[in-house]
C-alpha atoms as a PDB file:
ATOM      1  CA  MET A   1      -0.194   0.094  -0.138  1.00  0.00           C
ATOM      2  CA  HIS A   2       0.810   3.312  -0.389  1.00  0.00           C
ATOM      3  CA  SER A   3       1.346   4.866   3.039  1.00  0.00           C
ATOM      4  CA  PHE A   4       1.465   8.679   2.378  1.00  0.00           C
ATOM      5  CA  PRO A   5      -1.547   8.752  -0.212  1.00  0.00           C
ATOM      6  CA  SER A   6      -3.517   6.483   2.316  1.00  0.00           C
ATOM      7  CA  ARG A   7      -2.789   7.883   5.489  1.00  0.00           C
ATOM      8  CA  MET A   8      -3.442  11.416   4.020  1.00  0.00           C
ATOM      9  CA  PHE A   9      -6.843  10.517   2.790  1.00  0.00           C
ATOM     10  CA  ARG A  10      -8.066   8.572   5.938  1.00  0.00           C
ATOM     11  CA  TRP A  11      -6.627  11.334   8.304  1.00  0.00           C
ATOM     12  CA  ALA A  12      -8.413  14.059   6.700  1.00  0.00           C
ATOM     13  CA  ALA A  13     -11.670  11.851   6.520  1.00  0.00           C
ATOM     14  CA  ILE A  14     -11.733  11.746  10.237  1.00  0.00           C
ATOM     15  CA  TYR A  15     -10.727  15.363  10.478  1.00  0.00           C
ATOM     16  CA  GLY A  16     -13.667  16.245   8.343  1.00  0.00           C
ATOM     17  CA  VAL A  17     -16.302  13.610  10.490  1.00  0.00           C
ATOM     18  CA  VAL A  18     -14.781  15.170  13.814  1.00  0.00           C
ATOM     19  CA  VAL A  19     -15.146  19.037  12.649  1.00  0.00           C
ATOM     20  CA  LEU A  20     -18.539  18.795  10.524  1.00  0.00           C
ATOM     21  CA  THR A  21     -20.741  16.495  12.610  1.00  0.00           C
ATOM     22  CA  PRO A  22     -20.895  19.234  15.200  1.00  0.00           C
ATOM     23  CA  LEU A  23     -22.041  21.990  12.945  1.00  0.00           C
ATOM     24  CA  TYR A  24     -25.195  20.081  13.113  1.00  0.00           C
ATOM     25  CA  LEU A  25     -25.805  21.293  16.527  1.00  0.00           C
ATOM     26  CA  THR A  26     -25.053  24.917  16.003  1.00  0.00           C
ATOM     27  CA  PRO A  27     -27.810  27.297  15.885  1.00  0.00           C
ATOM     28  CA  LEU A  28     -29.262  28.077  12.554  1.00  0.00           C
ATOM     29  CA  PRO A  29     -29.217  31.229  10.544  1.00  0.00           C
ATOM     30  CA  PRO A  30     -32.345  33.282  10.497  1.00  0.00           C
ATOM     31  CA  MET A  31     -32.470  32.438   6.719  1.00  0.00           C
ATOM     32  CA  MET A  32     -31.287  29.544   4.570  1.00  0.00           C
ATOM     33  CA  GLY A  33     -30.841  26.989   7.259  1.00  0.00           C
ATOM     34  CA  GLU A  34     -31.474  24.578   4.442  1.00  0.00           C
ATOM     35  CA  THR A  35     -28.113  25.762   2.551  1.00  0.00           C
ATOM     36  CA  LEU A  36     -26.038  25.140   5.670  1.00  0.00           C
ATOM     37  CA  PHE A  37     -27.682  21.713   6.229  1.00  0.00           C
ATOM     38  CA  GLY A  38     -26.884  21.104   2.510  1.00  0.00           C
ATOM     39  CA  PHE A  39     -23.633  22.276   2.704  1.00  0.00           C
ATOM     40  CA  ILE A  40     -22.357  20.081   5.741  1.00  0.00           C
ATOM     41  CA  GLY A  41     -24.100  17.006   4.475  1.00  0.00           C
ATOM     42  CA  LEU A  42     -22.444  17.451   1.222  1.00  0.00           C
ATOM     43  CA  ALA A  43     -19.076  17.750   3.223  1.00  0.00           C
ATOM     44  CA  LEU A  44     -19.851  14.704   5.369  1.00  0.00           C
ATOM     45  CA  VAL A  45     -20.639  12.556   2.225  1.00  0.00           C
ATOM     46  CA  PHE A  46     -17.124  13.728   0.978  1.00  0.00           C
ATOM     47  CA  GLN A  47     -15.298  12.439   4.013  1.00  0.00           C
ATOM     48  CA  ALA A  48     -16.809   8.937   2.865  1.00  0.00           C
ATOM     49  CA  VAL A  49     -15.329   9.438  -0.405  1.00  0.00           C
ATOM     50  CA  PHE A  50     -11.784  10.306   1.105  1.00  0.00           C
ATOM     51  CA  TRP A  51     -12.093   7.467   3.290  1.00  0.00           C
ATOM     52  CA  VAL A  52     -12.511   5.283   0.083  1.00  0.00           C
ATOM     53  CA  ILE A  53      -9.865   6.872  -1.826  1.00  0.00           C
ATOM     54  CA  GLY A  54      -7.458   6.159   1.430  1.00  0.00           C
ATOM     55  CA  GLY A  55      -8.228   2.398   1.227  1.00  0.00           C
ATOM     56  CA  ASP A  56      -7.047   2.101  -2.468  1.00  0.00           C
ATOM     57  CA  PRO A  57      -5.337   4.968  -3.506  1.00  0.00           C
ATOM     58  CA  VAL A  58      -3.932   3.744  -7.089  1.00  0.00           C
ATOM     59  CA  LYS A  59      -7.443   2.448  -7.924  1.00  0.00           C
ATOM     60  CA  TYR A  60      -8.951   5.843  -6.902  1.00  0.00           C
ATOM     61  CA  ARG A  61      -6.305   8.277  -8.011  1.00  0.00           C
ATOM     62  CA  ALA A  62      -8.601   9.751 -10.758  1.00  0.00           C
ATOM     63  CA  LEU A  63     -10.946  11.241  -7.919  1.00  0.00           C
ATOM     64  CA  MET A  64      -7.805  13.019  -6.104  1.00  0.00           C
ATOM     65  CA  PRO A  65      -7.981  16.105  -8.196  1.00  0.00           C
ATOM     66  CA  ILE A  66     -11.724  15.835  -7.488  1.00  0.00           C
ATOM     67  CA  ALA A  67     -10.726  15.802  -3.750  1.00  0.00           C
ATOM     68  CA  VAL A  68      -8.136  18.876  -4.138  1.00  0.00           C
ATOM     69  CA  ALA A  69     -11.173  20.978  -5.855  1.00  0.00           C
ATOM     70  CA  GLU A  70     -13.401  19.862  -3.069  1.00  0.00           C
ATOM     71  CA  LYS A  71     -11.025  21.455  -0.761  1.00  0.00           C
ATOM     72  CA  LEU A  72     -10.203  24.490  -2.753  1.00  0.00           C
ATOM     73  CA  VAL A  73     -14.102  25.256  -3.353  1.00  0.00           C
ATOM     74  CA  PHE A  74     -14.336  26.329   0.668  1.00  0.00           C
ATOM     75  CA  ALA A  75     -10.702  27.746   1.287  1.00  0.00           C
ATOM     76  CA  VAL A  76     -10.212  29.959  -1.626  1.00  0.00           C
ATOM     77  CA  PRO A  77     -13.176  31.984  -1.398  1.00  0.00           C
ATOM     78  CA  ALA A  78     -13.403  32.103   2.476  1.00  0.00           C
ATOM     79  CA  LEU A  79      -9.475  33.105   2.641  1.00  0.00           C
ATOM     80  CA  GLY A  80     -10.034  35.564   0.010  1.00  0.00           C
ATOM     81  CA  LEU A  81     -12.995  37.275   1.352  1.00  0.00           C
ATOM     82  CA  PHE A  82     -11.071  37.101   5.028  1.00  0.00           C
ATOM     83  CA  ALA A  83      -8.043  39.055   3.216  1.00  0.00           C
ATOM     84  CA  GLN A  84     -10.506  41.765   1.697  1.00  0.00           C
ATOM     85  CA  GLY A  85     -12.069  42.518   5.174  1.00  0.00           C
ATOM     86  CA  TYR A  86     -15.335  40.664   4.984  1.00  0.00           C
ATOM     87  CA  PRO A  87     -16.786  39.936   7.866  1.00  0.00           C
ATOM     88  CA  VAL A  88     -15.282  36.276   8.013  1.00  0.00           C
ATOM     89  CA  PRO A  89     -14.979  34.731  11.577  1.00  0.00           C
ATOM     90  CA  PRO A  90     -11.490  34.248  12.567  1.00  0.00           C
ATOM     91  CA  PRO A  91     -11.960  30.760  13.361  1.00  0.00           C
ATOM     92  CA  VAL A  92     -13.805  30.103   9.777  1.00  0.00           C
ATOM     93  CA  ALA A  93     -10.622  31.544   8.060  1.00  0.00           C
ATOM     94  CA  VAL A  94      -8.531  29.046  10.540  1.00  0.00           C
ATOM     95  CA  PHE A  95     -10.635  26.124   8.976  1.00  0.00           C
ATOM     96  CA  ALA A  96     -10.141  27.552   5.289  1.00  0.00           C
ATOM     97  CA  GLY A  97      -6.562  27.569   5.875  1.00  0.00           C
ATOM     98  CA  ILE A  98      -6.630  23.881   7.144  1.00  0.00           C
ATOM     99  CA  ASP A  99      -8.502  22.825   3.826  1.00  0.00           C
ATOM    100  CA  ALA A 100      -5.808  24.665   1.848  1.00  0.00           C
ATOM    101  CA  LEU A 101      -3.351  22.570   3.420  1.00  0.00           C
ATOM    102  CA  LEU A 102      -5.436  19.285   2.963  1.00  0.00           C
ATOM    103  CA  ALA A 103      -5.774  20.231  -0.736  1.00  0.00           C
ATOM    104  CA  LEU A 104      -2.178  20.603  -1.181  1.00  0.00           C
ATOM    105  CA  GLY A 105      -1.870  17.217   0.756  1.00  0.00           C
ATOM    106  CA  PHE A 106      -4.291  15.575  -1.431  1.00  0.00           C
ATOM    107  CA  PHE A 107      -2.282  17.182  -4.426  1.00  0.00           C
ATOM    108  CA  ILE A 108       1.006  15.974  -3.363  1.00  0.00           C
ATOM    109  CA  ALA A 109      -0.682  12.394  -2.472  1.00  0.00           C
ATOM    110  CA  TRP A 110      -1.827  12.444  -6.341  1.00  0.00           C
ATOM    111  CA  ARG A 111       1.448  13.076  -7.401  1.00  0.00           C
ATOM    112  CA  ARG A 112       2.989  10.459  -5.314  1.00  0.00           C
ATOM    113  CA  THR A 113       0.453   7.739  -6.383  1.00  0.00           C
ATOM    114  CA  PRO A 114       1.484   5.495  -9.206  1.00  0.00           C
ATOM    115  CA  LEU A 115      -0.874   5.419 -12.300  1.00  0.00           C
ATOM    116  CA  THR A 116      -1.204   1.791 -12.126  1.00  0.00           C
ATOM    117  CA  ARG A 117      -0.195  -1.184  -9.586  1.00  0.00           C
ATOM    118  CA  GLY A 118       3.721  -2.368  -9.948  1.00  0.00           C
END
């Protein structure tokens, strides 16, 4: 087994479940609560995708760039808005930074995973 890619994706999946699940218990905003719940749910589904990728990185290598994109679609806008002075809470900016680092880790894992076994 290719240890770095496997560990990268498995640890990211565990981290994601730990961080995302409690969000279901936070107070809902006055509007668009369904959007928040949809975001949390979709992000949790992706933790399962990360777990599967970690189980067989060579087989699921083609999903790795999609995993990079999944991390960047939150990290880039959140960090960009934060940098422009938009009222992004600092803890959200920290989590966006972690997602940016996970995107980098996923990219490195993709580069280190061979195209085929052998």
